[in-house]
Every structure is written in structure tokens, then in C-alpha cells.
N, C-alpha and C. Protein backbone atom coordinates (compact mmCIF):
# COMPACT_ATOMS: atom_id res chain seq x y z
N MET A 1 -15.33 12.82 0.47
CA MET A 1 -15.85 14.17 0.47
C MET A 1 -15.41 14.82 1.78
N SER A 2 -15.01 16.08 1.66
CA SER A 2 -14.66 16.82 2.87
C SER A 2 -15.27 18.22 2.81
N VAL A 3 -15.63 18.72 3.97
CA VAL A 3 -16.22 20.05 4.07
C VAL A 3 -15.24 20.92 4.82
N LYS A 4 -14.92 22.08 4.23
CA LYS A 4 -14.01 23.02 4.86
C LYS A 4 -14.73 24.34 5.07
N LYS A 5 -14.40 24.99 6.18
CA LYS A 5 -14.98 26.31 6.45
C LYS A 5 -13.91 27.34 6.10
N GLU A 6 -14.26 28.22 5.16
CA GLU A 6 -13.32 29.26 4.72
C GLU A 6 -13.30 30.40 5.73
N ALA A 7 -12.30 31.28 5.62
CA ALA A 7 -12.16 32.43 6.53
C ALA A 7 -13.39 33.33 6.47
N SER A 8 -14.05 33.38 5.33
CA SER A 8 -15.23 34.24 5.17
C SER A 8 -16.46 33.65 5.85
N GLY A 9 -16.33 32.43 6.38
CA GLY A 9 -17.46 31.79 7.03
C GLY A 9 -18.24 30.87 6.10
N ARG A 10 -17.92 30.91 4.80
CA ARG A 10 -18.59 30.06 3.83
C ARG A 10 -17.99 28.66 3.89
N ARG A 11 -18.82 27.70 3.60
CA ARG A 11 -18.34 26.33 3.56
C ARG A 11 -18.05 25.94 2.12
N SER A 12 -16.97 25.19 1.91
CA SER A 12 -16.68 24.65 0.58
C SER A 12 -16.60 23.14 0.70
N ILE A 13 -17.08 22.50 -0.31
CA ILE A 13 -17.09 21.04 -0.33
C ILE A 13 -16.11 20.56 -1.38
N GLN A 14 -15.24 19.65 -0.98
CA GLN A 14 -14.27 19.08 -1.89
C GLN A 14 -14.66 17.62 -2.11
N VAL A 15 -14.85 17.27 -3.36
CA VAL A 15 -15.29 15.92 -3.70
C VAL A 15 -14.27 15.30 -4.62
N GLU A 16 -13.84 14.09 -4.29
CA GLU A 16 -12.97 13.33 -5.19
C GLU A 16 -13.89 12.49 -6.07
N VAL A 17 -13.81 12.75 -7.37
CA VAL A 17 -14.71 12.09 -8.30
C VAL A 17 -14.09 10.79 -8.78
N GLU A 18 -14.87 9.74 -8.73
CA GLU A 18 -14.45 8.46 -9.26
C GLU A 18 -15.40 8.10 -10.38
N VAL A 19 -14.85 7.71 -11.51
CA VAL A 19 -15.65 7.37 -12.67
C VAL A 19 -16.27 6.00 -12.46
N PRO A 20 -17.59 5.87 -12.70
CA PRO A 20 -18.23 4.56 -12.55
C PRO A 20 -17.55 3.52 -13.44
N GLY A 21 -17.36 2.34 -12.92
CA GLY A 21 -16.74 1.27 -13.69
C GLY A 21 -15.23 1.29 -13.63
N SER A 22 -14.65 2.25 -12.93
CA SER A 22 -13.21 2.35 -12.81
C SER A 22 -12.82 2.17 -11.36
N ALA A 23 -11.82 1.37 -11.12
CA ALA A 23 -11.36 1.13 -9.76
C ALA A 23 -10.26 2.12 -9.38
N GLN A 24 -9.85 2.97 -10.31
CA GLN A 24 -8.76 3.90 -10.06
C GLN A 24 -9.31 5.27 -9.70
N SER A 25 -8.88 5.79 -8.56
CA SER A 25 -9.34 7.11 -8.12
C SER A 25 -8.69 8.18 -8.98
N ALA A 26 -9.26 9.37 -8.93
CA ALA A 26 -8.72 10.49 -9.68
C ALA A 26 -7.30 10.81 -9.23
N VAL A 27 -7.04 10.70 -7.94
CA VAL A 27 -5.70 10.98 -7.41
C VAL A 27 -4.69 9.96 -7.94
N ALA A 28 -5.07 8.69 -7.92
CA ALA A 28 -4.19 7.64 -8.42
C ALA A 28 -3.94 7.81 -9.92
N ARG A 29 -4.95 8.21 -10.66
CA ARG A 29 -4.80 8.41 -12.10
C ARG A 29 -3.83 9.57 -12.36
N ARG A 30 -3.99 10.67 -11.64
CA ARG A 30 -3.08 11.80 -11.82
C ARG A 30 -1.65 11.41 -11.48
N SER A 31 -1.47 10.61 -10.45
CA SER A 31 -0.14 10.15 -10.06
C SER A 31 0.48 9.28 -11.16
N ALA A 32 -0.32 8.36 -11.70
CA ALA A 32 0.17 7.49 -12.77
C ALA A 32 0.51 8.30 -14.02
N GLU A 33 -0.32 9.28 -14.34
CA GLU A 33 -0.06 10.14 -15.50
C GLU A 33 1.24 10.93 -15.29
N ALA A 34 1.49 11.40 -14.08
CA ALA A 34 2.72 12.13 -13.78
C ALA A 34 3.94 11.21 -13.94
N GLN A 35 3.81 9.98 -13.47
CA GLN A 35 4.91 9.01 -13.63
C GLN A 35 5.17 8.74 -15.11
N LEU A 36 4.10 8.61 -15.88
CA LEU A 36 4.25 8.37 -17.31
C LEU A 36 4.94 9.55 -17.99
N ARG A 37 4.54 10.78 -17.64
CA ARG A 37 5.20 11.96 -18.21
C ARG A 37 6.69 11.96 -17.91
N THR A 38 7.07 11.53 -16.71
CA THR A 38 8.48 11.45 -16.35
C THR A 38 9.21 10.41 -17.21
N LEU A 39 8.57 9.28 -17.44
CA LEU A 39 9.18 8.21 -18.24
C LEU A 39 9.42 8.62 -19.69
N ILE A 40 8.50 9.42 -20.25
CA ILE A 40 8.61 9.75 -21.66
C ILE A 40 9.28 11.10 -21.91
N ALA A 41 9.62 11.82 -20.86
CA ALA A 41 10.19 13.16 -21.00
C ALA A 41 11.50 13.17 -21.79
N LYS A 42 12.17 12.03 -21.87
CA LYS A 42 13.46 11.96 -22.56
C LYS A 42 13.36 11.94 -24.08
N PHE A 43 12.14 11.75 -24.61
CA PHE A 43 11.97 11.65 -26.05
C PHE A 43 11.90 13.02 -26.71
N ALA A 44 12.16 13.04 -28.00
CA ALA A 44 12.09 14.29 -28.78
C ALA A 44 10.67 14.85 -28.75
N PRO A 45 10.54 16.17 -28.82
CA PRO A 45 9.20 16.79 -28.78
C PRO A 45 8.23 16.23 -29.83
N ALA A 46 8.72 15.96 -31.03
CA ALA A 46 7.84 15.41 -32.08
C ALA A 46 7.31 14.03 -31.67
N HIS A 47 8.17 13.22 -31.04
CA HIS A 47 7.74 11.89 -30.59
C HIS A 47 6.74 12.01 -29.45
N LEU A 48 6.94 13.00 -28.56
CA LEU A 48 6.02 13.21 -27.45
C LEU A 48 4.63 13.60 -27.96
N ARG A 49 4.60 14.51 -28.94
CA ARG A 49 3.31 14.91 -29.51
C ARG A 49 2.61 13.73 -30.18
N LEU A 50 3.37 12.94 -30.92
CA LEU A 50 2.79 11.78 -31.60
C LEU A 50 2.29 10.75 -30.59
N LEU A 51 3.06 10.51 -29.55
CA LEU A 51 2.66 9.57 -28.51
C LEU A 51 1.36 10.04 -27.84
N GLY A 52 1.27 11.32 -27.54
CA GLY A 52 0.05 11.88 -26.94
C GLY A 52 -1.15 11.75 -27.87
N ALA A 53 -0.95 12.03 -29.15
CA ALA A 53 -2.04 11.93 -30.12
C ALA A 53 -2.50 10.48 -30.27
N MET A 54 -1.57 9.55 -30.26
CA MET A 54 -1.93 8.13 -30.37
C MET A 54 -2.69 7.67 -29.15
N ARG A 55 -2.26 8.08 -27.96
CA ARG A 55 -2.98 7.72 -26.74
C ARG A 55 -4.41 8.24 -26.77
N ARG A 56 -4.57 9.50 -27.18
CA ARG A 56 -5.92 10.07 -27.25
C ARG A 56 -6.78 9.30 -28.25
N TRP A 57 -6.23 8.98 -29.42
CA TRP A 57 -6.97 8.29 -30.47
C TRP A 57 -7.38 6.89 -30.00
N LEU A 58 -6.43 6.17 -29.39
CA LEU A 58 -6.74 4.81 -28.92
C LEU A 58 -7.67 4.83 -27.71
N ARG A 59 -7.55 5.83 -26.86
CA ARG A 59 -8.43 5.96 -25.70
C ARG A 59 -9.87 6.23 -26.16
N LYS A 60 -10.00 7.01 -27.24
CA LYS A 60 -11.32 7.27 -27.79
C LYS A 60 -11.90 5.99 -28.39
N ARG A 61 -11.06 5.21 -29.04
CA ARG A 61 -11.50 3.96 -29.68
C ARG A 61 -11.77 2.87 -28.65
N LEU A 62 -10.99 2.86 -27.57
CA LEU A 62 -11.12 1.84 -26.50
C LEU A 62 -11.23 2.54 -25.14
N PRO A 63 -12.38 3.16 -24.83
CA PRO A 63 -12.49 3.95 -23.60
C PRO A 63 -12.37 3.13 -22.32
N THR A 64 -12.64 1.84 -22.36
CA THR A 64 -12.56 1.03 -21.13
C THR A 64 -11.22 0.31 -21.00
N ALA A 65 -10.32 0.53 -21.95
CA ALA A 65 -9.02 -0.15 -21.91
C ALA A 65 -8.17 0.39 -20.76
N HIS A 66 -7.40 -0.50 -20.18
CA HIS A 66 -6.41 -0.13 -19.18
C HIS A 66 -5.10 0.10 -19.92
N GLU A 67 -4.45 1.20 -19.61
CA GLU A 67 -3.14 1.49 -20.21
C GLU A 67 -2.09 0.97 -19.23
N VAL A 68 -1.42 -0.10 -19.62
CA VAL A 68 -0.40 -0.70 -18.78
C VAL A 68 0.96 -0.28 -19.34
N VAL A 69 1.74 0.45 -18.52
CA VAL A 69 2.97 1.08 -18.98
C VAL A 69 4.18 0.32 -18.45
N TYR A 70 5.10 0.04 -19.37
CA TYR A 70 6.36 -0.63 -19.04
C TYR A 70 7.52 0.22 -19.55
N GLU A 71 8.58 0.30 -18.76
CA GLU A 71 9.80 0.97 -19.20
C GLU A 71 10.88 -0.10 -19.36
N TYR A 72 11.53 -0.06 -20.50
CA TYR A 72 12.63 -1.00 -20.78
C TYR A 72 13.92 -0.20 -20.84
N HIS A 73 14.64 -0.15 -19.71
CA HIS A 73 15.88 0.62 -19.62
C HIS A 73 16.89 0.19 -20.66
N ASN A 74 17.05 -1.12 -20.81
CA ASN A 74 18.09 -1.62 -21.71
C ASN A 74 17.83 -1.25 -23.17
N LEU A 75 16.59 -0.96 -23.53
CA LEU A 75 16.24 -0.58 -24.90
C LEU A 75 15.98 0.92 -25.03
N GLY A 76 15.89 1.61 -23.91
CA GLY A 76 15.55 3.02 -23.93
C GLY A 76 14.14 3.25 -24.45
N ALA A 77 13.24 2.33 -24.13
CA ALA A 77 11.88 2.37 -24.68
C ALA A 77 10.83 2.36 -23.58
N VAL A 78 9.66 2.89 -23.93
CA VAL A 78 8.48 2.83 -23.09
C VAL A 78 7.38 2.19 -23.93
N VAL A 79 6.67 1.23 -23.35
CA VAL A 79 5.57 0.55 -24.03
C VAL A 79 4.29 0.77 -23.23
N ILE A 80 3.22 1.12 -23.94
CA ILE A 80 1.91 1.28 -23.33
C ILE A 80 0.98 0.27 -23.98
N SER A 81 0.55 -0.71 -23.19
CA SER A 81 -0.34 -1.75 -23.69
C SER A 81 -1.79 -1.37 -23.39
N PHE A 82 -2.65 -1.47 -24.39
CA PHE A 82 -4.09 -1.20 -24.21
C PHE A 82 -4.77 -2.54 -24.01
N SER A 83 -5.15 -2.80 -22.77
CA SER A 83 -5.60 -4.12 -22.35
C SER A 83 -7.00 -4.07 -21.72
N PRO A 84 -7.76 -5.18 -21.81
CA PRO A 84 -9.07 -5.21 -21.17
C PRO A 84 -8.99 -5.28 -19.64
N ASN A 85 -7.79 -5.52 -19.10
CA ASN A 85 -7.58 -5.56 -17.66
C ASN A 85 -6.19 -5.00 -17.37
N ASP A 86 -5.73 -5.13 -16.13
CA ASP A 86 -4.42 -4.55 -15.81
C ASP A 86 -3.26 -5.50 -16.09
N HIS A 87 -3.49 -6.52 -16.90
CA HIS A 87 -2.43 -7.42 -17.36
C HIS A 87 -2.04 -7.01 -18.77
N GLY A 88 -0.88 -6.43 -18.92
CA GLY A 88 -0.45 -5.94 -20.22
C GLY A 88 -0.35 -7.01 -21.29
N TYR A 89 -0.06 -8.25 -20.88
CA TYR A 89 0.10 -9.32 -21.86
C TYR A 89 -1.22 -9.69 -22.53
N GLU A 90 -2.35 -9.25 -21.98
CA GLU A 90 -3.64 -9.50 -22.61
C GLU A 90 -4.09 -8.31 -23.45
N GLY A 91 -3.18 -7.36 -23.64
CA GLY A 91 -3.49 -6.18 -24.45
C GLY A 91 -3.65 -6.53 -25.91
N VAL A 92 -4.48 -5.78 -26.57
CA VAL A 92 -4.72 -6.00 -27.99
C VAL A 92 -3.79 -5.13 -28.83
N LEU A 93 -3.53 -3.92 -28.37
CA LEU A 93 -2.69 -2.97 -29.07
C LEU A 93 -1.68 -2.39 -28.10
N GLY A 94 -0.58 -1.91 -28.64
CA GLY A 94 0.43 -1.28 -27.80
C GLY A 94 1.13 -0.18 -28.56
N ILE A 95 1.60 0.80 -27.82
CA ILE A 95 2.42 1.87 -28.38
C ILE A 95 3.82 1.69 -27.82
N ARG A 96 4.81 1.72 -28.71
CA ARG A 96 6.20 1.65 -28.27
C ARG A 96 6.91 2.91 -28.73
N ALA A 97 7.49 3.62 -27.79
CA ALA A 97 8.23 4.83 -28.11
C ALA A 97 9.68 4.66 -27.68
N ASP A 98 10.58 5.05 -28.56
CA ASP A 98 12.00 5.08 -28.22
C ASP A 98 12.64 6.22 -29.01
N ALA A 99 13.96 6.33 -28.97
CA ALA A 99 14.65 7.43 -29.63
C ALA A 99 14.45 7.41 -31.15
N ASN A 100 14.14 6.26 -31.71
CA ASN A 100 13.98 6.14 -33.16
C ASN A 100 12.59 6.48 -33.66
N GLY A 101 11.61 6.57 -32.78
CA GLY A 101 10.26 6.89 -33.20
C GLY A 101 9.20 6.17 -32.40
N VAL A 102 8.01 6.10 -33.00
CA VAL A 102 6.86 5.52 -32.34
C VAL A 102 6.26 4.45 -33.25
N LYS A 103 5.90 3.32 -32.65
CA LYS A 103 5.29 2.21 -33.39
C LYS A 103 3.99 1.80 -32.72
N LEU A 104 3.08 1.29 -33.54
CA LEU A 104 1.84 0.70 -33.05
C LEU A 104 2.00 -0.81 -33.16
N TYR A 105 1.84 -1.50 -32.04
CA TYR A 105 1.99 -2.96 -32.00
C TYR A 105 0.64 -3.64 -31.93
N PHE A 106 0.54 -4.76 -32.60
CA PHE A 106 -0.63 -5.62 -32.59
C PHE A 106 -0.21 -6.92 -31.91
N ASN A 107 -0.76 -7.20 -30.73
CA ASN A 107 -0.34 -8.36 -29.95
C ASN A 107 -0.54 -9.68 -30.70
N GLN A 108 -1.63 -9.82 -31.41
CA GLN A 108 -1.90 -11.03 -32.19
C GLN A 108 -1.73 -10.73 -33.68
N GLY A 109 -0.74 -9.92 -34.03
CA GLY A 109 -0.56 -9.45 -35.40
C GLY A 109 -0.28 -10.52 -36.43
N LYS A 110 0.33 -11.61 -36.02
CA LYS A 110 0.65 -12.67 -36.97
C LYS A 110 -0.62 -13.25 -37.59
N GLU A 111 -1.70 -13.26 -36.83
CA GLU A 111 -2.96 -13.87 -37.28
C GLU A 111 -3.86 -12.91 -38.07
N LEU A 112 -3.51 -11.62 -38.11
CA LEU A 112 -4.38 -10.64 -38.75
C LEU A 112 -4.25 -10.66 -40.28
N PRO A 113 -5.37 -10.54 -40.99
CA PRO A 113 -5.29 -10.40 -42.44
C PRO A 113 -4.69 -9.03 -42.77
N ASP A 114 -3.68 -8.99 -43.62
CA ASP A 114 -2.98 -7.76 -43.93
C ASP A 114 -2.76 -7.63 -45.44
N PRO A 115 -3.83 -7.40 -46.21
CA PRO A 115 -3.68 -7.34 -47.66
C PRO A 115 -2.77 -6.19 -48.13
N ALA A 116 -2.68 -5.11 -47.35
CA ALA A 116 -1.83 -3.98 -47.73
C ALA A 116 -0.37 -4.20 -47.32
N LYS A 117 -0.09 -5.30 -46.64
CA LYS A 117 1.28 -5.65 -46.20
C LYS A 117 1.91 -4.53 -45.37
N LEU A 118 1.17 -4.05 -44.38
CA LEU A 118 1.65 -2.98 -43.50
C LEU A 118 2.40 -3.51 -42.28
N LEU A 119 2.03 -4.69 -41.83
CA LEU A 119 2.60 -5.22 -40.59
C LEU A 119 4.03 -5.67 -40.78
N GLN A 120 4.87 -5.28 -39.82
CA GLN A 120 6.29 -5.62 -39.86
C GLN A 120 6.63 -6.50 -38.67
N GLY A 121 7.66 -7.30 -38.82
CA GLY A 121 8.14 -8.14 -37.73
C GLY A 121 8.03 -9.60 -38.08
N SER A 122 8.79 -10.40 -37.34
CA SER A 122 8.80 -11.83 -37.60
C SER A 122 8.73 -12.65 -36.31
N GLY A 123 8.24 -12.03 -35.24
CA GLY A 123 8.12 -12.73 -33.96
C GLY A 123 7.02 -13.78 -34.00
N ARG A 124 6.88 -14.52 -32.91
CA ARG A 124 5.88 -15.60 -32.85
C ARG A 124 4.46 -15.07 -32.98
N GLN A 125 4.18 -13.86 -32.45
CA GLN A 125 2.80 -13.37 -32.53
C GLN A 125 2.68 -11.88 -32.80
N THR A 126 3.59 -11.06 -32.35
CA THR A 126 3.45 -9.61 -32.41
C THR A 126 3.96 -9.04 -33.73
N ARG A 127 3.22 -8.06 -34.25
CA ARG A 127 3.62 -7.32 -35.45
C ARG A 127 3.42 -5.84 -35.15
N SER A 128 4.07 -4.98 -35.95
CA SER A 128 3.99 -3.55 -35.69
C SER A 128 3.89 -2.75 -36.98
N ILE A 129 3.55 -1.48 -36.80
CA ILE A 129 3.50 -0.51 -37.88
C ILE A 129 4.26 0.72 -37.42
N ASP A 130 5.15 1.25 -38.25
CA ASP A 130 5.79 2.53 -37.96
C ASP A 130 4.74 3.62 -38.11
N VAL A 131 4.65 4.50 -37.13
CA VAL A 131 3.67 5.57 -37.17
C VAL A 131 4.41 6.88 -37.42
N GLU A 132 4.17 7.45 -38.60
CA GLU A 132 4.82 8.71 -38.98
C GLU A 132 4.10 9.92 -38.39
N GLY A 133 2.78 9.82 -38.30
CA GLY A 133 1.97 10.91 -37.76
C GLY A 133 0.64 10.35 -37.29
N ALA A 134 -0.12 11.16 -36.58
CA ALA A 134 -1.40 10.71 -36.04
C ALA A 134 -2.37 10.30 -37.14
N SER A 135 -2.20 10.86 -38.34
CA SER A 135 -3.09 10.53 -39.46
C SER A 135 -2.91 9.08 -39.91
N THR A 136 -1.80 8.46 -39.55
CA THR A 136 -1.56 7.05 -39.91
C THR A 136 -2.68 6.17 -39.35
N LEU A 137 -3.14 6.46 -38.14
CA LEU A 137 -4.17 5.64 -37.50
C LEU A 137 -5.52 5.72 -38.22
N ALA A 138 -5.76 6.82 -38.93
CA ALA A 138 -7.03 7.00 -39.62
C ALA A 138 -7.04 6.40 -41.03
N ARG A 139 -5.87 5.98 -41.52
CA ARG A 139 -5.84 5.37 -42.85
C ARG A 139 -6.72 4.13 -42.86
N PRO A 140 -7.51 3.91 -43.91
CA PRO A 140 -8.44 2.78 -43.94
C PRO A 140 -7.78 1.42 -43.68
N ALA A 141 -6.61 1.18 -44.24
CA ALA A 141 -5.96 -0.12 -44.04
C ALA A 141 -5.54 -0.30 -42.59
N VAL A 142 -5.07 0.76 -41.94
CA VAL A 142 -4.66 0.69 -40.53
C VAL A 142 -5.90 0.56 -39.65
N ALA A 143 -6.92 1.35 -39.92
CA ALA A 143 -8.17 1.27 -39.14
C ALA A 143 -8.77 -0.13 -39.23
N SER A 144 -8.68 -0.74 -40.40
CA SER A 144 -9.19 -2.10 -40.58
C SER A 144 -8.40 -3.10 -39.73
N LEU A 145 -7.08 -2.94 -39.68
CA LEU A 145 -6.25 -3.81 -38.83
C LEU A 145 -6.61 -3.64 -37.35
N ILE A 146 -6.81 -2.40 -36.94
CA ILE A 146 -7.16 -2.13 -35.54
C ILE A 146 -8.51 -2.77 -35.21
N ASP A 147 -9.49 -2.56 -36.07
CA ASP A 147 -10.83 -3.15 -35.85
C ASP A 147 -10.76 -4.67 -35.77
N GLU A 148 -10.00 -5.27 -36.68
CA GLU A 148 -9.89 -6.73 -36.71
C GLU A 148 -9.18 -7.24 -35.45
N ALA A 149 -8.13 -6.54 -35.01
CA ALA A 149 -7.41 -6.94 -33.80
C ALA A 149 -8.32 -6.90 -32.58
N ILE A 150 -9.14 -5.85 -32.47
CA ILE A 150 -10.07 -5.73 -31.34
C ILE A 150 -11.11 -6.83 -31.40
N ALA A 151 -11.62 -7.10 -32.58
CA ALA A 151 -12.65 -8.14 -32.73
C ALA A 151 -12.11 -9.52 -32.39
N ARG A 152 -10.84 -9.78 -32.66
CA ARG A 152 -10.25 -11.10 -32.42
C ARG A 152 -9.66 -11.27 -31.03
N ASN A 153 -9.63 -10.20 -30.24
CA ASN A 153 -9.02 -10.29 -28.92
C ASN A 153 -9.78 -11.30 -28.06
N PRO A 154 -9.10 -12.30 -27.50
CA PRO A 154 -9.79 -13.34 -26.74
C PRO A 154 -10.41 -12.86 -25.43
N VAL A 155 -9.91 -11.76 -24.87
CA VAL A 155 -10.45 -11.22 -23.62
C VAL A 155 -11.25 -9.97 -23.97
N PRO A 156 -12.56 -9.96 -23.72
CA PRO A 156 -13.39 -8.82 -24.12
C PRO A 156 -13.16 -7.59 -23.23
N PHE A 157 -13.39 -6.43 -23.82
CA PHE A 157 -13.32 -5.17 -23.08
C PHE A 157 -14.66 -4.93 -22.40
N GLU A 158 -14.66 -4.20 -21.29
CA GLU A 158 -15.89 -3.84 -20.59
C GLU A 158 -16.76 -2.98 -21.50
N GLY A 159 -18.06 -3.05 -21.30
CA GLY A 159 -18.98 -2.27 -22.11
C GLY A 159 -19.11 -0.83 -21.67
N ALA A 160 -18.79 -0.55 -20.40
CA ALA A 160 -18.91 0.81 -19.87
C ALA A 160 -17.82 1.04 -18.84
N GLY A 161 -17.59 2.30 -18.54
CA GLY A 161 -16.60 2.66 -17.54
C GLY A 161 -15.37 3.26 -18.18
N ARG A 162 -14.33 3.34 -17.39
CA ARG A 162 -13.08 3.93 -17.85
C ARG A 162 -11.93 3.09 -17.31
N GLY A 163 -11.00 2.78 -18.17
CA GLY A 163 -9.84 2.01 -17.76
C GLY A 163 -8.88 2.85 -16.93
N SER A 164 -7.93 2.19 -16.33
CA SER A 164 -6.95 2.86 -15.49
C SER A 164 -5.63 3.01 -16.23
N VAL A 165 -4.72 3.76 -15.63
CA VAL A 165 -3.35 3.86 -16.10
C VAL A 165 -2.50 3.18 -15.04
N VAL A 166 -1.79 2.12 -15.42
CA VAL A 166 -1.03 1.32 -14.48
C VAL A 166 0.44 1.37 -14.88
N ILE A 167 1.30 1.78 -13.96
CA ILE A 167 2.74 1.81 -14.22
C ILE A 167 3.34 0.56 -13.61
N ARG A 168 3.92 -0.28 -14.43
CA ARG A 168 4.59 -1.48 -13.95
C ARG A 168 6.05 -1.14 -13.69
N PRO A 169 6.60 -1.62 -12.60
CA PRO A 169 8.00 -1.31 -12.30
C PRO A 169 8.94 -1.90 -13.35
N ALA A 170 10.03 -1.19 -13.57
CA ALA A 170 11.03 -1.68 -14.51
C ALA A 170 11.65 -2.95 -13.95
N SER A 171 11.88 -3.89 -14.82
CA SER A 171 12.48 -5.14 -14.36
C SER A 171 13.96 -4.89 -14.07
N PRO A 172 14.48 -5.53 -13.03
CA PRO A 172 15.88 -5.32 -12.68
C PRO A 172 16.77 -5.89 -13.78
N LYS A 173 17.97 -5.32 -13.89
CA LYS A 173 18.92 -5.81 -14.88
C LYS A 173 19.36 -7.23 -14.51
N LYS A 174 19.51 -8.05 -15.52
CA LYS A 174 19.93 -9.43 -15.28
C LYS A 174 21.43 -9.47 -15.02
N ARG A 175 21.80 -10.31 -14.06
CA ARG A 175 23.23 -10.47 -13.76
C ARG A 175 23.82 -11.50 -14.70
N ARG A 176 25.07 -11.30 -15.02
CA ARG A 176 25.76 -12.26 -15.89
C ARG A 176 26.47 -13.30 -15.07
């Protein structure tokens, strides 16, 4: 908190607000958000709108989640992991945006019941869904997958507070 005296003789108080349960200051959050905007600025406007809508929807569903952001230069992609802490690998859900579109990833997707056969991929654990629009997240089959993924996550989310936005540095290119 700082107190400033204006030219008129009035005092103004400037307060930096920190959300209870969050270790990230408002200034740090704004800085991380600005870095994220820079990382995703290269995508098409439709992809940017969809990415923003997905972040808002997932933030509403998981208000204490930490958004851990990774940029993959070699793939031209940005991944945002929604995690109970600042370790992205413990995230339950992730958003991947690249020039081809936006996908919703389920970290433990291989284990999820998927009667509608929506999950794509053949990796050891991760599965994804192509997201055509923000309404995709509200579809009952998708909402059920999201609920089940959150319920099965081995690391619980905090009951109160607000998660942070963490930008992880891009990994250096591997030498041949």
C-alpha cells in the first residue's frame, strides 16, 4: 500500500490486491497474462476467441487451478495445463493451440470411460478432443469426460483461492 499526495492536497491510496489463497500478486498475474497474449498472438482470430472462451470456461469450472503455459517452437504450439499446482505435468486438463486449431487434452485420458468415443490419440496416457467451438465443452458427453477426469485426478485441487498463471520458458532446441 502506498499513499500519495495529489497536487490538490488530497491524498490517494494505492493498494495492490492479492487474492486470498493465491501466491501470485496482481502485478505478476498481469505480467504473465501479457506474456501469454504475446505467445498466442500468432494464431488466427477465430482460434484466439476459442482459446479465450475455453480458458474462461475451464477457469470457472476449476477456479483454483494453476494455468501452466508452455510454448513449443518446433510445433508452433502453445499448451496451457490446468493443474492443482504449478507443475504442469500434474494437470488434469490442457488446451493446445496451434495453426490447425484448438484441442482439449485429458492428461489421464486413456483411463477415462468414453462411451461416445470422443477421445482421440494413442499415447501412453493422454487423449484429446478437437474443439470446434466453445459449445463443445457444454455437450453432455464432453462435460461428463471433464467431470470424470477431475474426479480421478490423483492430486486434489484447493478448496478455495485462485490459481496463478505460470509461463514456463521454452526448452532450447536440441543439438544434433
